[in-house]
Structure formats: C-alpha cells, structure tokens
C-alpha atoms as a PDB file:
ATOM      1  CA  MET A   1     148.943  47.652-101.771  1.00  0.00           C
ATOM      2  CA  ALA A   2     150.146  44.448-100.910  1.00  0.00           C
ATOM      3  CA  LYS A   3     153.652  43.744-101.386  1.00  0.00           C
ATOM      4  CA  PRO A   4     154.781  41.673-103.997  1.00  0.00           C
ATOM      5  CA  ALA A   5     155.804  39.294-102.325  1.00  0.00           C
ATOM      6  CA  GLU A   6     152.310  39.301-100.526  1.00  0.00           C
ATOM      7  CA  LEU A   7     150.626  38.740-103.929  1.00  0.00           C
ATOM      8  CA  ALA A   8     149.466  35.187-105.208  1.00  0.00           C
ATOM      9  CA  SER A   9     150.933  34.160-108.780  1.00  0.00           C
ATOM     10  CA  THR A  10     148.765  33.833-111.470  1.00  0.00           C
ATOM     11  CA  LYS A  11     148.718  29.570-111.562  1.00  0.00           C
ATOM     12  CA  GLU A  12     147.372  30.249-107.519  1.00  0.00           C
ATOM     13  CA  LEU A  13     144.483  32.576-108.440  1.00  0.00           C
ATOM     14  CA  ILE A  14     142.911  30.370-111.304  1.00  0.00           C
ATOM     15  CA  GLU A  15     143.303  26.874-109.493  1.00  0.00           C
ATOM     16  CA  LYS A  16     141.505  29.056-106.539  1.00  0.00           C
ATOM     17  CA  TYR A  17     138.542  31.192-108.257  1.00  0.00           C
ATOM     18  CA  ILE A  18     138.781  29.511-111.798  1.00  0.00           C
ATOM     19  CA  ARG A  19     136.071  27.217-113.021  1.00  0.00           C
ATOM     20  CA  ARG A  20     137.966  24.727-115.835  1.00  0.00           C
ATOM     21  CA  ASN A  21     135.436  23.723-117.273  1.00  0.00           C
ATOM     22  CA  GLY A  22     133.804  27.650-118.237  1.00  0.00           C
ATOM     23  CA  VAL A  23     137.176  27.998-119.851  1.00  0.00           C
ATOM     24  CA  PRO A  24     138.392  29.132-122.809  1.00  0.00           C
ATOM     25  CA  SER A  25     136.131  32.993-122.145  1.00  0.00           C
ATOM     26  CA  ILE A  26     133.967  34.325-124.576  1.00  0.00           C
ATOM     27  CA  TRP A  27     136.552  37.161-125.039  1.00  0.00           C
ATOM     28  CA  CYS A  28     137.695  38.038-127.973  1.00  0.00           C
ATOM     29  CA  PRO A  29     141.158  38.368-128.167  1.00  0.00           C
ATOM     30  CA  GLY A  30     142.807  41.106-126.443  1.00  0.00           C
ATOM     31  CA  CYS A  31     139.456  42.322-124.776  1.00  0.00           C
ATOM     32  CA  GLY A  32     140.569  44.390-121.430  1.00  0.00           C
ATOM     33  CA  ILE A  33     138.255  42.489-119.567  1.00  0.00           C
ATOM     34  CA  GLY A  34     140.595  39.190-118.926  1.00  0.00           C
ATOM     35  CA  THR A  35     142.813  41.773-117.395  1.00  0.00           C
ATOM     36  CA  VAL A  36     139.925  43.475-115.031  1.00  0.00           C
ATOM     37  CA  VAL A  37     139.327  39.851-113.760  1.00  0.00           C
ATOM     38  CA  GLY A  38     143.071  39.083-112.419  1.00  0.00           C
ATOM     39  CA  SER A  39     142.482  42.136-110.668  1.00  0.00           C
ATOM     40  CA  MET A  40     139.607  42.036-109.899  1.00  0.00           C
ATOM     41  CA  LEU A  41     140.120  38.623-107.822  1.00  0.00           C
ATOM     42  CA  ARG A  42     143.467  39.295-106.658  1.00  0.00           C
ATOM     43  CA  ALA A  43     141.839  42.036-104.935  1.00  0.00           C
ATOM     44  CA  ILE A  44     139.323  39.500-103.231  1.00  0.00           C
ATOM     45  CA  ASP A  45     142.197  37.561-102.522  1.00  0.00           C
ATOM     46  CA  HIS A  46     144.454  40.131-100.671  1.00  0.00           C
ATOM     47  CA  LEU A  47     141.406  40.976 -98.737  1.00  0.00           C
ATOM     48  CA  ARG A  48     141.716  37.331 -97.648  1.00  0.00           C
ATOM     49  CA  LEU A  49     137.605  37.285 -97.937  1.00  0.00           C
ATOM     50  CA  ARG A  50     136.074  34.082 -97.862  1.00  0.00           C
ATOM     51  CA  GLN A  51     134.630  32.501-101.472  1.00  0.00           C
ATOM     52  CA  GLU A  52     131.713  31.669 -99.787  1.00  0.00           C
ATOM     53  CA  ASP A  53     130.765  35.687 -98.540  1.00  0.00           C
ATOM     54  CA  VAL A  54     131.433  36.946-102.145  1.00  0.00           C
ATOM     55  CA  VAL A  55     128.638  37.315-105.086  1.00  0.00           C
ATOM     56  CA  ILE A  56     129.544  38.490-108.569  1.00  0.00           C
ATOM     57  CA  VAL A  57     126.472  39.886-110.008  1.00  0.00           C
ATOM     58  CA  THR A  58     125.777  41.015-113.875  1.00  0.00           C
ATOM     59  CA  GLY A  59     123.922  42.346-116.013  1.00  0.00           C
ATOM     60  CA  ILE A  60     124.377  41.717-120.124  1.00  0.00           C
ATOM     61  CA  GLY A  61     127.228  42.622-122.235  1.00  0.00           C
ATOM     62  CA  CYS A  62     131.062  41.616-122.878  1.00  0.00           C
ATOM     63  CA  SER A  63     130.826  42.088-118.624  1.00  0.00           C
ATOM     64  CA  GLY A  64     128.037  39.863-118.534  1.00  0.00           C
ATOM     65  CA  LEU A  65     129.151  36.549-117.899  1.00  0.00           C
ATOM     66  CA  ILE A  66     131.848  36.924-115.800  1.00  0.00           C
ATOM     67  CA  TYR A  67     130.364  34.991-112.510  1.00  0.00           C
ATOM     68  CA  ASN A  68     130.331  31.878-115.819  1.00  0.00           C
ATOM     69  CA  TYR A  69     134.402  31.585-114.952  1.00  0.00           C
ATOM     70  CA  LEU A  70     134.758  32.076-110.925  1.00  0.00           C
ATOM     71  CA  ARG A  71     134.105  30.521-108.101  1.00  0.00           C
ATOM     72  CA  PHE A  72     131.413  33.219-106.197  1.00  0.00           C
ATOM     73  CA  ASP A  73     127.897  32.031-106.110  1.00  0.00           C
ATOM     74  CA  GLY A  74     126.689  35.125-108.801  1.00  0.00           C
ATOM     75  CA  PHE A  75     123.222  36.255-110.787  1.00  0.00           C
ATOM     76  CA  HIS A  76     123.340  37.215-114.251  1.00  0.00           C
ATOM     77  CA  GLY A  77     120.759  39.744-114.272  1.00  0.00           C
ATOM     78  CA  THR A  78     118.958  41.256-117.304  1.00  0.00           C
ATOM     79  CA  HIS A  79     120.493  44.533-119.205  1.00  0.00           C
ATOM     80  CA  GLY A  80     121.419  47.718-116.505  1.00  0.00           C
ATOM     81  CA  ARG A  81     119.251  45.851-113.789  1.00  0.00           C
ATOM     82  CA  ALA A  82     122.919  44.644-112.157  1.00  0.00           C
ATOM     83  CA  LEU A  83     122.582  47.146-109.232  1.00  0.00           C
ATOM     84  CA  ALA A  84     118.672  46.380-108.441  1.00  0.00           C
ATOM     85  CA  ILE A  85     119.453  42.987-108.364  1.00  0.00           C
ATOM     86  CA  ALA A  86     122.615  43.173-106.322  1.00  0.00           C
ATOM     87  CA  THR A  87     120.681  46.109-103.652  1.00  0.00           C
ATOM     88  CA  GLY A  88     117.947  43.075-102.580  1.00  0.00           C
ATOM     89  CA  ILE A  89     120.819  40.929-102.408  1.00  0.00           C
ATOM     90  CA  LYS A  90     122.874  43.043-100.343  1.00  0.00           C
ATOM     91  CA  ALA A  91     119.578  43.509 -97.868  1.00  0.00           C
ATOM     92  CA  ALA A  92     118.666  40.705 -97.692  1.00  0.00           C
ATOM     93  CA  ASN A  93     121.922  39.709 -96.279  1.00  0.00           C
ATOM     94  CA  PRO A  94     123.765  42.446 -95.560  1.00  0.00           C
ATOM     95  CA  ARG A  95     127.100  39.927 -94.283  1.00  0.00           C
ATOM     96  CA  LEU A  96     127.700  39.801 -98.356  1.00  0.00           C
ATOM     97  CA  HIS A  97     130.273  41.461-100.825  1.00  0.00           C
ATOM     98  CA  VAL A  98     128.395  41.883-103.315  1.00  0.00           C
ATOM     99  CA  VAL A  99     130.339  42.606-106.208  1.00  0.00           C
ATOM    100  CA  VAL A 100     128.719  44.372-109.808  1.00  0.00           C
ATOM    101  CA  PRO A 101     131.054  44.521-112.649  1.00  0.00           C
ATOM    102  CA  MET A 102     128.839  46.222-116.325  1.00  0.00           C
ATOM    103  CA  GLY A 103     129.388  47.580-119.348  1.00  0.00           C
ATOM    104  CA  ASP A 104     128.991  51.501-119.754  1.00  0.00           C
ATOM    105  CA  GLY A 105     125.979  50.949-122.390  1.00  0.00           C
ATOM    106  CA  ASP A 106     125.565  48.722-119.349  1.00  0.00           C
ATOM    107  CA  CYS A 107     125.618  51.280-116.456  1.00  0.00           C
ATOM    108  CA  ALA A 108     125.154  54.526-117.439  1.00  0.00           C
ATOM    109  CA  ALA A 109     122.762  53.615-120.493  1.00  0.00           C
ATOM    110  CA  ILE A 110     119.739  51.758-119.924  1.00  0.00           C
ATOM    111  CA  GLY A 111     120.392  51.269-116.190  1.00  0.00           C
ATOM    112  CA  GLY A 112     121.705  54.594-115.719  1.00  0.00           C
ATOM    113  CA  ASN A 113     118.246  55.220-113.348  1.00  0.00           C
ATOM    114  CA  HIS A 114     119.724  52.415-110.844  1.00  0.00           C
ATOM    115  CA  PHE A 115     123.111  53.623-110.612  1.00  0.00           C
ATOM    116  CA  ILE A 116     122.268  56.424-109.418  1.00  0.00           C
ATOM    117  CA  HIS A 117     119.993  55.224-107.286  1.00  0.00           C
ATOM    118  CA  ALA A 118     122.540  53.520-106.246  1.00  0.00           C
ATOM    119  CA  ALA A 119     124.878  55.846-105.548  1.00  0.00           C
ATOM    120  CA  ARG A 120     122.381  57.927-103.696  1.00  0.00           C
ATOM    121  CA  ARG A 121     121.271  55.877-101.623  1.00  0.00           C
ATOM    122  CA  ASN A 122     124.894  54.645-100.265  1.00  0.00           C
ATOM    123  CA  ILE A 123     124.327  50.807-100.664  1.00  0.00           C
ATOM    124  CA  ASP A 124     127.741  48.949 -99.435  1.00  0.00           C
ATOM    125  CA  LEU A 125     128.244  47.755-102.751  1.00  0.00           C
ATOM    126  CA  THR A 126     131.189  47.213-105.385  1.00  0.00           C
ATOM    127  CA  ALA A 127     130.557  48.591-108.894  1.00  0.00           C
ATOM    128  CA  ILE A 128     132.747  47.925-111.339  1.00  0.00           C
ATOM    129  CA  VAL A 129     132.536  50.035-114.568  1.00  0.00           C
ATOM    130  CA  ILE A 130     134.269  48.279-117.689  1.00  0.00           C
ATOM    131  CA  ASN A 131     134.394  51.479-119.990  1.00  0.00           C
ATOM    132  CA  ASN A 132     135.506  50.260-122.850  1.00  0.00           C
ATOM    133  CA  GLN A 133     133.445  53.236-124.681  1.00  0.00           C
ATOM    134  CA  ILE A 134     131.781  51.005-127.061  1.00  0.00           C
ATOM    135  CA  TYR A 135     128.521  48.282-127.171  1.00  0.00           C
ATOM    136  CA  GLY A 136     130.855  45.523-127.853  1.00  0.00           C
ATOM    137  CA  MET A 137     128.821  41.985-128.297  1.00  0.00           C
ATOM    138  CA  THR A 138     125.887  44.065-130.283  1.00  0.00           C
ATOM    139  CA  GLY A 139     128.232  45.276-132.825  1.00  0.00           C
ATOM    140  CA  GLY A 140     129.969  48.633-132.237  1.00  0.00           C
ATOM    141  CA  GLN A 141     127.126  50.700-131.563  1.00  0.00           C
ATOM    142  CA  SER A 142     127.611  54.195-129.888  1.00  0.00           C
ATOM    143  CA  SER A 143     127.267  54.481-125.618  1.00  0.00           C
ATOM    144  CA  PRO A 144     126.715  57.147-123.519  1.00  0.00           C
ATOM    145  CA  THR A 145     131.159  57.215-122.226  1.00  0.00           C
ATOM    146  CA  THR A 146     132.081  57.714-125.927  1.00  0.00           C
ATOM    147  CA  VAL A 147     134.214  59.925-126.644  1.00  0.00           C
ATOM    148  CA  GLN A 148     133.143  62.676-128.959  1.00  0.00           C
ATOM    149  CA  GLN A 149     134.597  62.291-133.665  1.00  0.00           C
ATOM    150  CA  SER A 150     134.916  58.692-132.314  1.00  0.00           C
ATOM    151  CA  ARG A 151     133.872  56.182-135.465  1.00  0.00           C
ATOM    152  CA  THR A 152     131.265  53.321-133.942  1.00  0.00           C
ATOM    153  CA  SER A 153     129.185  51.411-136.179  1.00  0.00           C
ATOM    154  CA  THR A 154     125.783  53.986-135.705  1.00  0.00           C
ATOM    155  CA  ALA A 155     127.959  57.392-135.386  1.00  0.00           C
ATOM    156  CA  PRO A 156     130.331  55.945-138.688  1.00  0.00           C
ATOM    157  CA  ARG A 157     131.554  59.748-139.618  1.00  0.00           C
ATOM    158  CA  GLY A 158     132.589  60.485-136.170  1.00  0.00           C
ATOM    159  CA  HIS A 159     129.721  60.472-132.351  1.00  0.00           C
ATOM    160  CA  LEU A 160     128.209  63.419-132.065  1.00  0.00           C
ATOM    161  CA  GLU A 161     127.552  63.327-128.751  1.00  0.00           C
ATOM    162  CA  ARG A 162     129.626  64.543-125.388  1.00  0.00           C
ATOM    163  CA  PRO A 163     129.928  61.397-123.346  1.00  0.00           C
ATOM    164  CA  PHE A 164     129.558  61.219-119.283  1.00  0.00           C
ATOM    165  CA  ASP A 165     132.269  60.779-117.107  1.00  0.00           C
ATOM    166  CA  VAL A 166     131.101  58.499-115.136  1.00  0.00           C
ATOM    167  CA  CYS A 167     133.401  59.245-111.708  1.00  0.00           C
ATOM    168  CA  GLU A 168     131.156  62.204-111.548  1.00  0.00           C
ATOM    169  CA  LEU A 169     128.588  61.211-112.059  1.00  0.00           C
ATOM    170  CA  ALA A 170     128.896  59.347-109.317  1.00  0.00           C
ATOM    171  CA  LYS A 171     130.303  61.672-107.172  1.00  0.00           C
ATOM    172  CA  GLY A 172     127.008  63.833-108.093  1.00  0.00           C
ATOM    173  CA  ALA A 173     124.025  60.884-107.072  1.00  0.00           C
ATOM    174  CA  GLY A 174     126.541  60.619-103.799  1.00  0.00           C
ATOM    175  CA  ALA A 175     129.132  57.930-103.953  1.00  0.00           C
ATOM    176  CA  THR A 176     131.227  57.319-101.472  1.00  0.00           C
ATOM    177  CA  TYR A 177     134.172  56.180-102.732  1.00  0.00           C
ATOM    178  CA  ILE A 178     135.349  57.206-105.969  1.00  0.00           C
ATOM    179  CA  ALA A 179     138.372  55.380-107.979  1.00  0.00           C
ATOM    180  CA  ARG A 180     139.519  55.114-112.068  1.00  0.00           C
ATOM    181  CA  GLY A 181     141.740  52.547-113.067  1.00  0.00           C
ATOM    182  CA  VAL A 182     143.410  51.266-116.906  1.00  0.00           C
ATOM    183  CA  THR A 183     143.909  47.480-117.788  1.00  0.00           C
ATOM    184  CA  SER A 184     147.588  49.744-119.444  1.00  0.00           C
ATOM    185  CA  ASN A 185     148.076  49.793-115.507  1.00  0.00           C
ATOM    186  CA  PRO A 186     146.524  45.829-113.253  1.00  0.00           C
ATOM    187  CA  ILE A 187     148.823  46.338-110.765  1.00  0.00           C
ATOM    188  CA  GLN A 188     147.369  49.688-109.934  1.00  0.00           C
ATOM    189  CA  LEU A 189     143.956  48.090-110.267  1.00  0.00           C
ATOM    190  CA  ALA A 190     144.233  45.665-108.285  1.00  0.00           C
ATOM    191  CA  ASP A 191     144.618  48.428-105.265  1.00  0.00           C
ATOM    192  CA  LEU A 192     142.067  50.275-106.753  1.00  0.00           C
ATOM    193  CA  LEU A 193     139.795  47.826-106.438  1.00  0.00           C
ATOM    194  CA  GLU A 194     141.300  46.277-102.938  1.00  0.00           C
ATOM    195  CA  ARG A 195     139.981  49.745-101.585  1.00  0.00           C
ATOM    196  CA  ALA A 196     136.781  50.239-103.167  1.00  0.00           C
ATOM    197  CA  MET A 197     135.852  46.521-101.426  1.00  0.00           C
ATOM    198  CA  ALA A 198     137.173  47.274 -98.047  1.00  0.00           C
ATOM    199  CA  HIS A 199     135.470  50.458 -98.270  1.00  0.00           C
ATOM    200  CA  LYS A 200     131.774  50.960 -96.011  1.00  0.00           C
ATOM    201  CA  GLY A 201     129.542  52.437 -98.314  1.00  0.00           C
ATOM    202  CA  PHE A 202     129.159  53.122-102.076  1.00  0.00           C
ATOM    203  CA  SER A 203     132.345  51.912-104.092  1.00  0.00           C
ATOM    204  CA  VAL A 204     132.873  52.881-108.095  1.00  0.00           C
ATOM    205  CA  VAL A 205     136.029  51.774-109.797  1.00  0.00           C
ATOM    206  CA  GLU A 206     135.764  53.064-113.262  1.00  0.00           C
ATOM    207  CA  VAL A 207     137.949  50.902-115.639  1.00  0.00           C
ATOM    208  CA  LEU A 208     139.398  52.196-118.908  1.00  0.00           C
ATOM    209  CA  SER A 209     139.774  48.868-120.901  1.00  0.00           C
ATOM    210  CA  GLN A 210     140.375  48.223-124.382  1.00  0.00           C
ATOM    211  CA  CYS A 211     137.902  46.456-126.624  1.00  0.00           C
ATOM    212  CA  PRO A 212     139.971  46.275-130.390  1.00  0.00           C
ATOM    213  CA  VAL A 213     137.615  44.147-132.787  1.00  0.00           C
ATOM    214  CA  GLN A 214     134.647  46.791-132.324  1.00  0.00           C
ATOM    215  CA  ALA A 215     136.510  50.483-130.786  1.00  0.00           C
ATOM    216  CA  GLY A 216     140.471  49.990-132.101  1.00  0.00           C
ATOM    217  CA  ARG A 217     139.142  48.624-135.276  1.00  0.00           C
ATOM    218  CA  ARG A 218     137.368  51.553-136.349  1.00  0.00           C
ATOM    219  CA  ALA A 219     139.568  54.319-134.770  1.00  0.00           C
ATOM    220  CA  GLY A 220     143.094  52.361-136.706  1.00  0.00           C
ATOM    221  CA  ARG A 221     144.266  51.034-133.367  1.00  0.00           C
ATOM    222  CA  SER A 222     143.137  46.919-134.087  1.00  0.00           C
ATOM    223  CA  GLU A 223     146.259  45.311-132.969  1.00  0.00           C
ATOM    224  CA  PRO A 224     145.502  45.539-128.458  1.00  0.00           C
ATOM    225  CA  TRP A 225     149.194  46.736-127.664  1.00  0.00           C
ATOM    226  CA  GLU A 226     147.856  49.967-129.771  1.00  0.00           C
ATOM    227  CA  MET A 227     144.951  50.181-127.546  1.00  0.00           C
ATOM    228  CA  LEU A 228     146.664  49.780-124.182  1.00  0.00           C
ATOM    229  CA  GLN A 229     149.813  52.620-125.646  1.00  0.00           C
ATOM    230  CA  TRP A 230     146.211  54.970-126.350  1.00  0.00           C
ATOM    231  CA  LEU A 231     144.499  53.870-122.891  1.00  0.00           C
ATOM    232  CA  LYS A 232     148.420  54.782-121.491  1.00  0.00           C
ATOM    233  CA  GLY A 233     148.855  58.113-123.282  1.00  0.00           C
ATOM    234  CA  VAL A 234     145.105  59.469-123.150  1.00  0.00           C
ATOM    235  CA  THR A 235     145.057  59.198-118.303  1.00  0.00           C
ATOM    236  CA  VAL A 236     147.415  61.110-115.799  1.00  0.00           C
ATOM    237  CA  SER A 237     147.859  59.418-112.188  1.00  0.00           C
ATOM    238  CA  ALA A 238     145.602  61.775-110.052  1.00  0.00           C
ATOM    239  CA  LYS A 239     148.716  62.168-108.214  1.00  0.00           C
ATOM    240  CA  ARG A 240     150.070  64.522-111.140  1.00  0.00           C
ATOM    241  CA  GLY A 241     146.978  66.864-109.785  1.00  0.00           C
ATOM    242  CA  THR A 242     144.078  69.308-112.812  1.00  0.00           C
ATOM    243  CA  ASP A 243     148.327  70.478-114.506  1.00  0.00           C
ATOM    244  CA  ASP A 244     147.958  71.851-117.810  1.00  0.00           C
ATOM    245  CA  VAL A 245     149.837  68.777-118.727  1.00  0.00           C
ATOM    246  CA  SER A 246     146.059  66.330-117.538  1.00  0.00           C
ATOM    247  CA  LEU A 247     143.856  68.576-119.378  1.00  0.00           C
ATOM    248  CA  GLY A 248     141.577  66.529-121.702  1.00  0.00           C
ATOM    249  CA  LYS A 249     142.645  63.379-120.458  1.00  0.00           C
ATOM    250  CA  PHE A 250     141.358  60.893-118.007  1.00  0.00           C
ATOM    251  CA  ILE A 251     141.999  61.016-114.341  1.00  0.00           C
ATOM    252  CA  THR A 252     143.703  57.950-112.500  1.00  0.00           C
ATOM    253  CA  GLY A 253     143.588  56.710-109.120  1.00  0.00           C
ATOM    254  CA  GLU A 254     142.020  56.864-105.899  1.00  0.00           C
ATOM    255  CA  LEU A 255     139.420  60.147-107.215  1.00  0.00           C
ATOM    256  CA  LEU A 256     136.877  60.650-103.488  1.00  0.00           C
ATOM    257  CA  LYS A 257     136.514  58.887-100.135  1.00  0.00           C
ATOM    258  CA  GLU A 258     133.841  59.685 -97.661  1.00  0.00           C
ATOM    259  CA  ASP A 259     132.392  58.694 -94.825  1.00  0.00           C
ATOM    260  CA  ALA A 260     128.378  58.686 -95.216  1.00  0.00           C
ATOM    261  CA  PRO A 261     125.381  56.243 -93.334  1.00  0.00           C
ATOM    262  CA  GLU A 262     125.411  53.847 -95.054  1.00  0.00           C
ATOM    263  CA  TRP A 263     121.626  52.422 -96.372  1.00  0.00           C
ATOM    264  CA  THR A 264     121.402  49.164 -94.961  1.00  0.00           C
ATOM    265  CA  GLU A 265     122.087  49.468 -91.624  1.00  0.00           C
ATOM    266  CA  GLU A 266     119.077  52.103 -91.491  1.00  0.00           C
ATOM    267  CA  TYR A 267     117.300  48.767 -93.923  1.00  0.00           C
ATOM    268  CA  ASP A 268     118.353  46.660 -90.795  1.00  0.00           C
ATOM    269  CA  LYS A 269     116.430  48.390 -88.872  1.00  0.00           C
ATOM    270  CA  LEU A 270     113.521  48.996 -90.238  1.00  0.00           C
ATOM    271  CA  ILE A 271     113.837  45.001 -91.064  1.00  0.00           C
ATOM    272  CA  ALA A 272     114.336  43.992 -87.310  1.00  0.00           C
ATOM    273  CA  ILE A 273     111.114  46.468 -86.010  1.00  0.00           C
ATOM    274  CA  ALA A 274     108.914  44.503 -88.558  1.00  0.00           C
ATOM    275  CA  GLY A 275     110.668  41.781 -87.307  1.00  0.00           C
ATOM    276  CA  GLY A 276     109.048  42.233 -83.991  1.00  0.00           C
ATOM    277  CA  ARG A 277     112.684  42.500 -82.494  1.00  0.00           C
ATOM    278  CA  SER A 278     113.659  46.444 -82.064  1.00  0.00           C
END
C-alpha cells in the first residue's frame, strides 16, 4: 500500500485524469460512485500506468458514464455487456489495462452470464462491481444483491429473495483475485484496486456503496452520512476472520489471490498459429 507521502493530491489527480468539460457529473449528491472513481484513479496513478494503455469499459446505469469524465480511452456498451466488450478489447490488444466498472444490476442481472464466463476464462480484466443493492438510475427497483426485507420500488413491503454474494459467485466461477471494499474506507479501497489491477488474471473488486436517493430514503437513511455509518456497521475486516463478530456482516479486504493460467496468453498462441507466425 502506498505511503501517504507517495499519494498524489486530489488536485493533482483532477488535473491529470478528469475531463473538465464533463463536470459536474450526473450523479446525485452523496452518491458513492465519485468515491470509487477517486480510489480507482489513485490506484492507476500509483501503479504508474500510462493513460494511453488504460481503457475504461462500462455498461448502462449510474456507473455507465464513468468513462465520460476521465482522460482515458473508453467504451460505453449496452446493459450487461461491458465484460463481453472488454474481452474483445483485451484479446485484440493484450498490452492494454482494461478496467470495467459496473453496477450490481448491470453485472449480476442481465450481465450475469458474461460475469461468470469472464471469471471462468480468467481473462486479464479488472471488474469493479459498485454494489449499492438497488437499481439507482431507473427508479429504485430490487437488484440481485438487494438485502432481504429492504424496501424498493418493486418491493414496497420488503424484498423477499435472497441476494447474490458477488464475491462468492466470482470465486465459484473461477476468478483468481477477489476483494471487497467499501466507500466508507476509500484508502483501503484504493489499495485493493491497485492490487487487483496489478494481478494477472480476472480480478473482481466488489465495492459496497451508498445510494441515498433510491435505497437510503426507503430505508430511513436519506442522508449520505447515515448510509456511510450503516456501511461501517455492516462490514468487518477480513483480518478479523469469521468469528462471532463477523457473522451476518460483509467481510472486507483481500479475499482470494491465486495464480492460474491466464486466458489471453493461450489466445495469443492461437492468433500466432492462425497468422502463420508459429
């Protein structure tokens, strides 16, 4: 993890990475996406990745326009298809660092099949799943990660279905780096994102994030600070293990890191054979 003295200031990050003509953003006041973007930029900056070597691929939803505000090449895909597009970009140009921010609905609902197969193939992509446990942009509907009994626009009496655990889903599908961060701890989040981007293989960082407008107000936590306090209360560090304190809470930190054959290396061999270079 970077020492405080080594971290760029917020002003330096803005001047280097933010498109001034794109701000102010479309995100509601108090939304956690800005925090995620800030931590992502700190990770990229500390890794000293060249801006021309970074591609931001998004789908549809509140996170879908992240690339609009950043000085990187980007691709705005259709709902749930960000990982499919990112796979093509990485296969066509393996030297690129392809970062894929998605919402929980975008990733785990319509994009669920792409998510599990990207993990199965162990493609060298970094998936950032911004999990606010609701569809924020389209009206506050329940998502695949909505906690049971939470009130949403489609479950005014409380959501009945069990939620996906994104990290366990990624583990079962074959991802080789998995972590969970939270917007109430942006320094830890930047460290986890840096580790994920440096990993060779499919990396998943789930980020528990606040949505005061859609999720918060239905839960009696319409102020951003109230949601951040709630997030602090429902999370516990992985360093504390899974003792009684952590039962029923979200474990944060680095959850899995392993080395495994990376799909694009084998794909490169096939391209070379097809082109008569091998």
